[in-house]
Protein backbone atom coordinates (compact mmCIF):
# COMPACT_ATOMS: atom_id res chain seq x y z
CA MET A 1 -6.92 -33.72 -27.89
CA LYS A 2 -4.20 -33.01 -25.46
CA SER A 3 -3.92 -29.55 -27.02
CA LEU A 4 -7.37 -28.63 -26.65
CA THR A 5 -7.40 -29.71 -22.85
CA PHE A 6 -4.69 -27.75 -22.28
CA PHE A 7 -6.23 -24.60 -23.98
CA LEU A 8 -9.12 -24.99 -22.13
CA PHE A 9 -7.19 -25.09 -19.17
CA ILE A 10 -5.39 -22.00 -19.75
CA SER A 11 -8.65 -20.58 -20.33
CA LEU A 12 -10.17 -21.64 -17.18
CA VAL A 13 -7.16 -20.22 -15.22
CA ILE A 14 -7.21 -16.81 -16.61
CA SER A 15 -11.07 -16.52 -16.04
CA PHE A 16 -11.44 -17.79 -12.74
CA GLY A 17 -7.57 -17.43 -11.36
CA HIS A 18 -5.93 -14.55 -9.71
CA ILE A 19 -2.79 -14.14 -12.30
CA ASN A 20 -1.63 -11.13 -13.89
CA SER A 21 1.35 -10.95 -16.48
CA TYR A 22 2.05 -7.29 -14.85
CA ALA A 23 2.63 -6.01 -11.15
CA GLY A 24 -0.64 -4.71 -9.81
CA VAL A 25 -2.15 -4.50 -6.60
CA ASP A 26 -2.05 -7.73 -5.40
CA THR A 27 1.93 -7.87 -5.59
CA GLU A 28 2.63 -4.06 -4.74
CA TYR A 29 0.73 -3.79 -1.59
CA THR A 30 1.37 -5.91 1.66
CA PHE A 31 -1.50 -5.72 4.18
CA SER A 32 -1.49 -5.12 7.88
CA SER A 33 -3.78 -3.72 10.47
CA SER A 34 -3.42 -2.42 13.61
CA ALA A 35 -5.68 -0.47 16.62
CA GLY A 36 -5.41 2.94 16.52
CA THR A 37 -7.45 6.13 17.19
CA TYR A 38 -10.25 7.60 15.09
CA SER A 39 -9.98 11.63 14.80
CA GLU A 40 -12.56 13.21 12.83
CA LEU A 41 -11.25 16.12 10.67
CA THR A 42 -11.66 19.58 11.69
CA GLY A 43 -11.51 21.96 8.96
CA GLY A 44 -10.57 20.93 5.51
CA THR A 45 -12.67 20.94 2.32
CA VAL A 46 -16.28 19.84 2.31
CA ILE A 47 -17.23 18.13 -1.17
CA ALA A 48 -20.76 17.11 0.02
CA VAL A 49 -23.28 17.41 2.70
CA ALA A 50 -26.77 15.93 2.87
CA THR A 51 -29.51 18.48 2.30
CA HIS A 52 -32.58 15.96 2.06
CA THR A 53 -33.65 12.94 3.47
CA SER A 54 -35.51 11.31 0.54
CA GLN A 55 -34.47 13.42 -2.61
CA ASP A 56 -31.57 12.48 -4.76
CA PRO A 57 -28.47 13.56 -4.69
CA GLY A 58 -29.49 15.92 -1.44
CA ASN A 59 -29.38 12.84 0.30
CA LEU A 60 -26.02 11.70 -0.67
CA ASN A 61 -27.86 8.63 -2.60
CA ASN A 62 -25.82 7.16 -5.57
CA VAL A 63 -23.36 10.22 -6.62
CA THR A 64 -20.05 10.57 -7.70
CA TYR A 65 -17.73 13.46 -7.39
CA GLY A 66 -14.73 14.60 -9.10
CA PRO A 67 -12.51 14.50 -10.19
CA ILE A 68 -10.83 15.73 -6.87
CA ALA A 69 -7.34 17.62 -7.22
CA LEU A 70 -4.65 15.95 -5.07
CA PRO A 71 -2.03 18.44 -3.75
CA PHE A 72 0.73 15.85 -4.74
CA SER A 73 1.09 12.92 -7.16
CA PHE A 74 0.46 10.14 -5.48
CA LYS A 75 2.15 6.59 -6.04
CA TYR A 76 -0.65 3.82 -6.98
CA LYS A 77 0.55 0.19 -8.28
CA ASN A 78 3.72 0.05 -9.76
CA ASN A 79 4.38 3.59 -8.96
CA GLU A 80 1.76 5.04 -11.27
CA LEU A 81 1.12 8.87 -10.46
CA TYR A 82 -2.23 10.14 -9.66
CA THR A 83 -3.10 13.67 -9.04
CA SER A 84 -6.88 13.45 -8.76
CA TYR A 85 -9.45 11.11 -7.90
CA PHE A 86 -13.12 10.46 -7.83
CA ILE A 87 -15.57 9.83 -4.62
CA SER A 88 -18.30 7.45 -4.77
CA THR A 89 -21.37 8.16 -1.94
CA ASN A 90 -20.65 4.02 -1.91
CA GLY A 91 -17.75 4.09 -0.05
CA PHE A 92 -14.82 4.29 -2.06
CA ILE A 93 -12.64 6.13 -4.35
CA THR A 94 -11.37 5.43 -7.87
CA PHE A 95 -8.39 6.52 -9.84
CA GLY A 96 -8.32 7.68 -13.80
CA ALA A 97 -9.58 9.41 -16.30
CA THR A 98 -13.03 7.30 -16.14
CA ALA A 99 -15.31 7.73 -13.19
CA PRO A 100 -17.13 5.19 -11.63
CA GLY A 101 -20.92 4.40 -12.19
CA ILE A 102 -23.27 5.80 -9.61
CA SER A 103 -24.63 2.29 -8.91
CA ASN A 104 -21.46 0.63 -8.47
CA TYR A 105 -21.93 -1.31 -5.06
CA CYS A 106 -18.98 -3.70 -5.76
CA PRO A 107 -15.79 -1.30 -6.38
CA VAL A 108 -13.40 -3.94 -6.40
CA SER A 109 -15.17 -6.75 -8.44
CA SER A 110 -16.42 -4.14 -10.59
CA SER A 111 -15.25 -4.25 -14.43
CA GLU A 112 -15.82 -0.47 -15.15
CA SER A 113 -12.79 1.12 -16.62
CA TYR A 114 -11.18 3.18 -13.85
CA THR A 115 -7.55 2.28 -13.29
CA GLY A 116 -7.63 1.99 -9.37
CA ALA A 117 -9.73 1.66 -6.54
CA VAL A 118 -10.04 1.87 -2.65
CA SER A 119 -12.83 0.86 -1.14
CA ALA A 120 -13.36 1.37 2.50
CA PHE A 121 -16.82 -0.37 2.61
CA GLY A 122 -18.20 -0.58 -0.59
CA LEU A 123 -22.04 -1.11 -0.43
CA ASP A 124 -25.25 0.87 -1.82
CA LEU A 125 -25.04 3.70 0.89
CA ILE A 126 -27.12 7.01 1.76
CA GLY A 127 -26.19 9.74 3.90
CA VAL A 128 -28.76 9.48 5.83
CA PHE A 129 -29.47 8.62 9.65
CA GLY A 130 -32.42 6.53 11.15
CA THR A 131 -33.42 6.79 14.57
CA THR A 132 -36.24 6.22 16.89
CA ILE A 133 -38.22 8.88 18.89
CA ASP A 134 -41.43 9.34 20.59
CA PHE A 135 -43.65 12.67 20.81
CA SER A 136 -46.60 13.51 22.23
CA GLY A 137 -49.30 16.46 20.81
CA VAL A 138 -48.01 19.56 19.46
CA THR A 139 -44.54 20.15 20.19
CA TYR A 140 -41.10 21.27 18.92
CA VAL A 141 -39.44 18.55 21.00
CA LEU A 142 -38.99 14.83 20.32
CA SER A 143 -38.25 12.56 23.19
CA ASP A 144 -36.88 9.64 24.06
CA VAL A 145 -34.52 9.55 21.31
CA ARG A 146 -32.79 6.07 20.84
CA ASN A 147 -29.62 6.95 19.10
CA PHE A 148 -27.61 10.45 18.68
CA ASN A 149 -24.74 9.06 16.37
CA GLY A 150 -26.06 10.67 13.27
CA VAL A 151 -28.00 13.75 15.07
CA VAL A 152 -26.60 16.95 13.28
CA ILE A 153 -27.79 20.40 14.35
CA GLY A 154 -29.25 22.16 10.98
CA ALA A 155 -30.00 18.83 9.24
CA HIS A 156 -33.38 17.99 7.50
CA ILE A 157 -35.36 15.44 9.41
CA THR A 158 -38.37 13.36 8.03
CA ALA A 159 -40.99 10.84 9.51
CA ALA A 160 -43.63 9.14 8.07
CA THR A 161 -46.22 11.04 10.04
CA GLY A 162 -46.31 13.72 12.57
CA ILE A 163 -43.20 15.97 11.32
CA PRO A 164 -44.12 18.40 8.84
CA ALA A 165 -42.00 19.42 5.44
CA ASP A 166 -39.29 21.20 5.63
CA THR A 167 -38.32 20.76 9.05
CA TYR A 168 -34.49 21.13 10.50
CA ILE A 169 -33.15 20.12 13.59
CA THR A 170 -32.39 23.49 15.97
CA ALA A 171 -30.79 21.59 19.11
CA PHE A 172 -30.68 18.37 20.98
CA ASP A 173 -30.06 17.00 24.18
CA THR A 174 -28.11 14.01 24.49
CA GLY A 175 -28.92 13.65 28.48
CA ALA A 176 -32.44 14.57 28.32
CA GLY A 177 -32.58 12.67 25.17
CA THR A 178 -34.34 14.94 22.91
CA ILE A 179 -34.14 16.63 19.79
CA THR A 180 -35.70 20.22 19.08
CA LEU A 181 -37.13 21.21 15.99
CA SER A 182 -37.77 23.98 13.81
CA LYS A 183 -41.46 23.59 13.24
CA PRO A 184 -43.88 22.10 15.59
CA THR A 185 -45.34 18.19 15.32
CA THR A 186 -48.92 17.60 14.51
CA ASP A 187 -51.45 17.08 17.26
CA ILE A 188 -51.04 13.23 17.71
CA ILE A 189 -49.22 10.76 20.05
CA VAL A 190 -46.36 8.96 18.83
CA ASN A 191 -44.30 6.14 20.07
CA ASP A 192 -41.37 4.34 18.47
CA LEU A 193 -41.59 6.15 15.70
CA VAL A 194 -38.33 6.04 13.25
CA VAL A 195 -37.36 9.60 11.93
CA GLN A 196 -34.86 10.16 9.03
CA ILE A 197 -32.08 12.81 9.59
CA ALA A 198 -29.88 14.26 6.32
CA SER A 199 -26.46 14.38 7.98
CA GLY A 200 -24.26 12.39 5.80
CA SER A 201 -20.97 14.48 4.61
CA ILE A 202 -17.87 13.77 2.41
CA LYS A 203 -14.76 15.94 3.70
CA VAL A 204 -11.51 16.11 2.26
CA LYS A 205 -8.35 17.17 4.21
CA THR A 206 -4.62 17.34 3.41
CA GLU A 207 -1.93 17.48 6.39
CA GLY A 208 1.83 17.73 6.78
CA THR A 209 4.42 19.09 4.59
CA SER A 210 6.05 17.99 1.57
CA PRO A 211 6.97 15.05 0.78
CA ASN A 212 5.12 13.74 3.46
CA ARG A 213 1.65 14.94 3.25
CA ILE A 214 -1.49 12.94 4.39
CA HIS A 215 -4.59 13.49 2.31
CA THR A 216 -7.95 12.14 4.14
CA ILE A 217 -11.17 11.27 2.54
CA GLN A 218 -14.12 11.32 5.18
CA PHE A 219 -17.17 10.01 4.77
CA LYS A 220 -19.68 10.83 7.96
CA ASN A 221 -23.22 9.71 9.03
CA PHE A 222 -23.67 6.99 6.25
CA ARG A 223 -25.92 3.91 6.46
CA GLN A 224 -27.05 1.08 4.12
CA TYR A 225 -29.61 2.08 2.11
CA LEU A 226 -33.02 0.82 2.95
CA ILE A 227 -36.62 2.63 2.17
CA ILE A 228 -36.67 2.95 5.87
CA GLY A 229 -33.34 3.25 7.61
CA LYS A 230 -33.10 2.61 11.33
CA ASP A 231 -29.85 3.39 13.86
CA ASP A 232 -27.25 2.27 11.20
CA ASN A 233 -24.05 5.21 11.49
CA PHE A 234 -20.99 4.52 9.64
CA ASN A 235 -18.13 6.54 9.50
CA PHE A 236 -14.69 5.97 8.08
CA GLN A 237 -11.89 7.45 6.14
CA ILE A 238 -9.78 6.70 3.88
CA LYS A 239 -5.67 8.03 3.99
CA LEU A 240 -3.27 8.90 0.90
CA PHE A 241 0.47 9.11 2.02
CA GLU A 242 2.64 11.02 -0.13
CA SER A 243 5.71 9.91 0.49
CA ASP A 244 5.63 6.06 -0.50
CA GLY A 245 2.00 5.29 -1.72
CA THR A 246 1.14 4.11 1.85
CA ILE A 247 -3.08 3.86 1.66
CA LYS A 248 -4.81 3.63 5.07
CA VAL A 249 -8.78 2.64 6.05
CA ILE A 250 -9.30 3.83 9.28
CA TYR A 251 -13.02 2.93 10.62
CA GLY A 252 -14.61 5.56 13.14
CA ASN A 253 -18.16 4.51 15.16
CA MET A 254 -19.86 1.72 12.62
CA ASP A 255 -23.19 1.02 14.49
CA LYS A 256 -25.22 -1.60 12.90
CA SER A 257 -28.91 -1.73 13.72
CA PRO A 258 -29.87 -5.63 14.49
CA LEU A 259 -33.57 -4.97 13.02
CA ILE A 260 -34.61 -4.31 9.51
CA GLU A 261 -31.37 -6.34 7.95
CA PRO A 262 -29.27 -7.33 10.54
CA SER A 263 -26.16 -7.82 8.61
CA VAL A 264 -24.26 -6.06 5.63
CA PHE A 265 -21.65 -7.47 3.21
CA GLY A 266 -19.59 -4.63 2.24
CA GLN A 267 -16.14 -4.79 -0.15
CA VAL A 268 -13.28 -3.65 1.15
CA GLY A 269 -9.63 -3.63 -0.10
CA LEU A 270 -7.94 -2.43 -3.38
CA ARG A 271 -8.39 -2.71 -7.35
CA GLY A 272 -5.70 -2.20 -10.05
CA SER A 273 -6.81 -1.32 -13.60
CA VAL A 274 -8.57 -4.47 -14.24
CA ASN A 275 -10.89 -6.73 -11.35
CA THR A 276 -8.70 -9.59 -11.85
CA ASP A 277 -6.03 -7.42 -10.12
CA TRP A 278 -7.20 -7.23 -6.54
CA ASN A 279 -6.02 -6.69 -2.79
CA ASN A 280 -9.01 -7.08 -0.64
CA ARG A 281 -10.17 -8.55 2.95
CA THR A 282 -12.72 -10.39 4.44
CA ASN A 283 -13.68 -11.46 8.09
CA THR A 284 -15.64 -14.21 9.70
CA GLY A 285 -15.61 -13.53 13.58
CA ASN A 286 -13.32 -10.35 13.81
CA TRP A 287 -12.51 -7.24 11.86
CA ALA A 288 -9.00 -7.18 13.62
CA ILE A 289 -8.31 -10.73 12.48
CA SER A 290 -9.12 -10.18 8.61
CA SER A 291 -7.88 -12.67 5.90
CA ALA A 292 -7.18 -12.32 2.37
CA GLY A 293 -10.11 -12.31 0.05
CA LEU A 294 -10.25 -15.57 -1.97
CA SER A 295 -11.96 -13.50 -4.98
CA ASN A 296 -12.19 -10.05 -6.10
CA ALA A 297 -16.03 -10.28 -4.84
CA SER A 298 -15.15 -11.01 -1.06
CA THR A 299 -16.80 -8.90 1.39
CA SER A 300 -16.29 -7.91 5.10
CA HIS A 301 -19.24 -8.75 7.13
CA LEU A 302 -20.59 -5.80 9.49
CA SER A 303 -23.47 -7.01 12.13
CA ASN A 304 -24.47 -5.64 15.31
CA THR A 305 -22.32 -7.86 17.14
CA LEU A 306 -19.33 -8.03 14.13
CA LEU A 307 -18.09 -4.70 13.63
CA PRO A 308 -14.68 -2.76 13.64
CA ALA A 309 -13.64 -0.82 16.87
CA PRO A 310 -13.43 2.86 16.49
CA GLY A 311 -9.64 3.03 15.30
CA GLN A 312 -9.14 0.04 13.51
CA THR A 313 -6.88 0.63 10.63
CA TYR A 314 -6.69 -1.27 7.48
CA ILE A 315 -3.04 -0.58 5.93
CA TRP A 316 -1.87 -1.41 2.47
CA GLY A 317 1.75 -0.69 2.29
CA PRO A 318 4.07 -0.66 -0.79
CA SER A 319 5.45 -4.51 -1.03
CA SER A 320 9.57 -4.58 -0.41
CA THR A 321 11.07 -7.05 -2.92
CA SER A 322 13.99 -9.15 -1.59
CA TYR A 323 16.34 -10.35 -3.61
CA SER A 324 19.13 -13.27 -2.81
CA ILE A 325 22.13 -12.38 -4.59
CA LYS A 326 25.18 -14.55 -4.89
CA VAL A 327 28.84 -12.76 -5.17
CA ILE A 328 32.25 -13.61 -3.98
CA PRO A 329 34.47 -10.68 -3.65
CA GLN A 330 38.03 -12.19 -5.32
CA GLY A 331 40.49 -11.87 -2.27
CA PHE A 332 38.16 -13.30 0.37
CA HIS A 333 37.80 -16.65 -1.25
CA ASN A 334 40.15 -19.11 0.51
CA ASN A 335 41.08 -22.01 -2.01
CA SER A 336 41.66 -24.53 1.00
CA THR A 337 38.44 -24.26 2.82
CA LEU A 338 36.18 -23.61 -0.39
CA LYS A 339 34.74 -20.67 1.71
CA LEU A 340 35.24 -16.90 1.94
CA ASN A 341 37.84 -15.62 4.89
CA MET A 342 34.69 -13.65 6.39
CA LYS A 343 31.23 -12.46 6.01
CA ASP A 344 31.17 -9.38 4.88
CA THR A 345 28.44 -6.17 3.78
CA VAL A 346 27.92 -5.92 0.17
CA THR A 347 25.69 -2.75 -1.06
CA SER A 348 23.45 -3.49 -4.05
CA TYR A 349 21.83 -1.26 -6.45
CA LEU A 350 19.01 -1.73 -9.02
CA ARG A 351 19.74 1.15 -12.18
CA ASN A 352 17.43 1.84 -14.74
CA ALA A 353 17.74 0.06 -17.88
CA ALA A 354 18.39 3.11 -20.25
CA SER A 355 20.90 5.77 -20.30
CA PRO A 356 21.61 7.40 -17.76
CA TYR A 357 21.09 4.40 -15.68
CA MET A 358 19.51 6.30 -12.81
CA ILE A 359 19.92 4.74 -9.12
CA VAL A 360 16.26 3.71 -8.35
CA ASP A 361 16.95 1.99 -5.35
CA SER A 362 19.58 0.28 -2.98
CA ALA A 363 19.86 -2.01 -0.23
CA LYS A 364 22.69 -3.59 2.08
CA GLY A 365 23.59 -7.23 2.96
CA VAL A 366 26.03 -9.43 4.46
CA ILE A 367 27.19 -11.93 2.37
CA ASP A 368 27.74 -15.55 4.17
CA SER A 369 30.99 -16.84 4.22
CA VAL A 370 29.53 -20.34 3.49
CA THR A 371 26.83 -19.71 0.65
CA PHE A 372 28.36 -16.69 -0.91
CA GLU A 373 24.74 -15.58 -0.79
CA GLY A 374 23.22 -12.67 1.03
CA THR A 375 19.75 -11.10 1.17
CA PHE A 376 18.74 -7.41 -0.01
CA VAL A 377 15.58 -5.93 0.97
CA PHE A 378 14.60 -2.83 -1.68
CA ASN A 379 11.77 -1.00 -0.40
CA ASN A 380 11.29 1.77 -3.03
CA VAL A 381 11.51 0.11 -6.23
CA SER A 382 8.18 -0.55 -8.66
CA SER A 383 7.99 -3.66 -11.46
CA GLY A 384 10.30 -3.41 -14.25
CA ASN A 385 13.69 -4.11 -15.73
CA TYR A 386 16.99 -3.30 -13.95
CA TYR A 387 20.32 -3.35 -14.15
CA LEU A 388 21.61 -5.00 -11.02
CA VAL A 389 24.92 -3.53 -9.65
CA VAL A 390 27.15 -5.06 -6.53
CA LYS A 391 29.65 -2.81 -4.78
CA HIS A 392 31.83 -3.97 -1.97
CA ARG A 393 34.43 -1.76 0.19
CA ASN A 394 37.38 -2.75 -1.88
CA SER A 395 36.14 -4.42 -4.99
CA ILE A 396 35.52 -3.16 -8.52
CA GLU A 397 31.77 -2.34 -9.03
CA THR A 398 30.14 -5.51 -10.97
CA TRP A 399 26.95 -4.81 -13.23
CA SER A 400 24.79 -7.61 -13.97
CA SER A 401 25.07 -8.58 -17.94
CA ASN A 402 21.81 -7.91 -18.79
CA PRO A 403 18.43 -5.71 -17.24
CA VAL A 404 16.93 -8.14 -14.58
CA SER A 405 13.10 -8.37 -14.56
CA LEU A 406 11.51 -7.69 -11.27
CA PHE A 407 8.13 -7.79 -9.70
CA ARG A 408 7.48 -6.04 -6.70
CA GLY A 409 6.86 -8.39 -4.02
CA SER A 410 8.26 -11.62 -5.66
CA PRO A 411 11.03 -12.95 -4.08
CA LEU A 412 13.96 -13.16 -6.46
CA GLY A 413 17.65 -14.49 -7.01
CA TYR A 414 20.79 -13.62 -8.96
CA ASN A 415 24.04 -15.19 -9.23
CA PHE A 416 27.61 -13.87 -9.99
CA THR A 417 29.43 -16.91 -9.22
CA ASN A 418 28.33 -19.80 -11.52
CA ALA A 419 29.49 -17.99 -14.94
CA VAL A 420 31.55 -15.02 -16.27
CA ALA A 421 28.66 -13.98 -18.46
CA LYS A 422 26.57 -13.19 -15.53
CA ALA A 423 28.68 -9.90 -15.06
CA TYR A 424 28.33 -6.83 -17.65
CA GLY A 425 31.31 -7.24 -19.92
CA ASN A 426 32.15 -10.65 -18.18
CA ASN A 427 33.70 -8.22 -15.78
CA LEU A 428 34.74 -11.46 -13.24
CA ILE A 429 37.54 -13.54 -12.68
CA ASN A 430 37.61 -17.29 -12.03
CA VAL A 431 38.50 -17.90 -8.09
CA ASN A 432 38.49 -21.93 -8.11
CA PRO A 433 38.48 -24.10 -11.17
CA SER A 434 36.46 -26.78 -9.41
CA PRO A 435 33.96 -26.22 -8.57
CA VAL A 436 34.07 -23.44 -11.15
CA ARG A 437 33.30 -20.21 -9.17
CA PHE A 438 33.72 -16.44 -10.19
CA GLY A 439 34.25 -13.63 -8.17
CA ILE A 440 34.20 -9.90 -8.16
CA PHE A 441 37.73 -8.27 -8.61
CA SER A 442 39.36 -7.23 -5.42
CA GLY A 443 41.63 -4.09 -4.92
CA ASP A 444 39.85 -0.85 -5.79
CA ILE A 445 40.53 0.40 -2.43
CA ASN A 446 39.21 4.16 -3.36
CA GLN A 447 36.24 2.81 -4.88
CA ASP A 448 37.06 4.88 -8.21
CA GLY A 449 36.40 2.46 -10.29
CA PHE A 450 39.88 1.45 -11.46
CA ILE A 451 42.39 -1.14 -9.52
CA ASP A 452 45.89 1.07 -10.39
CA LEU A 453 48.91 2.60 -8.74
CA THR A 454 46.63 4.38 -6.04
CA ASP A 455 45.43 1.49 -4.62
CA VAL A 456 48.40 -0.33 -4.53
CA THR A 457 49.75 2.40 -2.49
CA ILE A 458 47.32 2.63 -0.36
CA ILE A 459 47.89 -1.11 0.81
CA SER A 460 51.32 -1.04 0.91
CA ASN A 461 51.20 2.41 3.34
CA ASP A 462 48.87 0.51 5.55
CA ALA A 463 50.95 -2.45 5.47
CA ASN A 464 54.05 -0.76 6.23
CA ASP A 465 52.16 0.84 9.45
CA PHE A 466 51.31 -2.94 10.37
CA LEU A 467 47.13 -1.95 10.07
CA THR A 468 45.16 -4.34 11.65
CA GLY A 469 41.06 -5.04 12.07
CA TYR A 470 38.50 -4.03 9.69
CA ILE A 471 40.33 -2.02 7.34
CA VAL A 472 39.55 -1.04 3.78
CA SER A 473 43.27 -2.30 2.89
CA ASP A 474 42.30 -6.06 3.88
CA VAL A 475 41.90 -7.39 0.63
CA ASN A 476 41.59 -10.57 1.35
CA GLY A 477 39.70 -10.77 4.73
CA ASP A 478 42.49 -12.03 6.99
CA GLY A 479 42.13 -9.18 9.32
CA PHE A 480 45.72 -7.37 8.28
CA ALA A 481 47.10 -5.43 5.56
CA ASP A 482 50.08 -7.31 4.50
CA LEU A 483 51.82 -8.53 1.25
CA SER A 484 49.09 -11.08 0.11
CA ASP A 485 46.86 -7.85 -0.29
CA LEU A 486 49.01 -6.00 -2.18
CA THR A 487 49.75 -8.93 -4.78
CA ILE A 488 46.04 -9.09 -5.33
CA ALA A 489 45.72 -5.44 -5.84
CA PHE A 490 49.11 -5.63 -8.18
CA ASN A 491 48.11 -8.26 -10.33
CA ASN A 492 44.72 -6.66 -10.86
CA ALA A 493 46.25 -3.31 -11.76
CA ILE A 494 48.81 -4.50 -14.20
CA ASN A 495 45.67 -5.95 -16.15
CA PHE A 496 43.95 -2.65 -16.11
CA VAL A 497 40.87 -3.99 -14.38
CA SER A 498 38.21 -1.32 -14.03
CA VAL A 499 34.48 -0.85 -13.75
CA ALA A 500 32.63 -2.46 -16.96
CA ARG A 501 28.92 -0.95 -17.20
CA PRO A 502 26.93 0.01 -20.26
């Protein structure tokens, strides 16, 4: 019975919990937001322009475009590289060979088989703008136009009555509150008539130079899909950064009319290869202060009183990985105080687990004199298995005994001091019998991977010159180059100490 209960518990966790056995967007990205500026694209490539208010796909309703080629390889989740993407008119893009369905309105929670999604405002959208006007009798001019946000010269315009078929906007005047038509209205008097304008567009543009280019996908003059639209006008951009895989969503004008449907809820955030891997946002009272979604179906609320200010920017940047490493430079350990003679900087490297063991990332940290511990923040590494390597200014480079598992964004630790087997080839020295502590060999002054006569000579020369201070020949960290430093290096030299690596 206990086994069955445990099995059911695990099944429920897997079904409903936010759990992954691999790295994904939930751990690979850290969210932040800022108040910025919305700059509409000039130039670029037009992917789609609305040509009709009511005919699919001319109204940009339920259309998928792509694959759209990227001019660079974009790093998405765990450094997976993508050179193309799909655009959905429903406010999002996706990565991978499989395009999203045209009726996908929930890109983060969808179970479709694309391998990644970035949703600026995932909702049933259409590239049509609605506004309210008046006119009297036969005229080319509509008056008392209530909202000009989505009014575009050349756009198709329709209404339930009074405007003939195949009519287009030829001019508009925001000061006078008028729109000029290509055809005259019929001979009626109309007040508070809702007109539909095919003004939506999708455009892309790449700016900057390699390796720091930025690719922008811009949605302009969209609204929620309704049979009768009224004054809604949504504008936003998705930006993909070549340098480090950062993703930004920048909101422009996001008008939401209180009429017809006063509130809408769209999905905002990222999805990985499956819908159990998500990193999304939700809000209750302020787009500038959003919070992490509690499920893959979490949404952000938009109304005429709850909306992002133009320039509101949501940022998903690559997560850094914090490694807590314990290491003792042999010569620095003081057996009387059981501390190091001084704090000092150590550089740590993450190397591939397979030959030729290339360096993937590096970080510096200061080793504390009491805890022997330092914090190393790796900003560029993806999740995987790596050899952990430590280098100190006058000690032997030391590798971890085996590759260590790293999950980007998750804090990790490694202790070189508590067992000789923690280093590759057991390349550590016992610096204290009780409590048992191990250190990395000191004396590699010229950092060539060997402790030998060359290093001993450097120390001897500095000692003869009575050098003091923060000097590389100060092997024990007491601020002097002297016989004690020479002794440590000499003993390691006659034992042929050198770096041990796979």
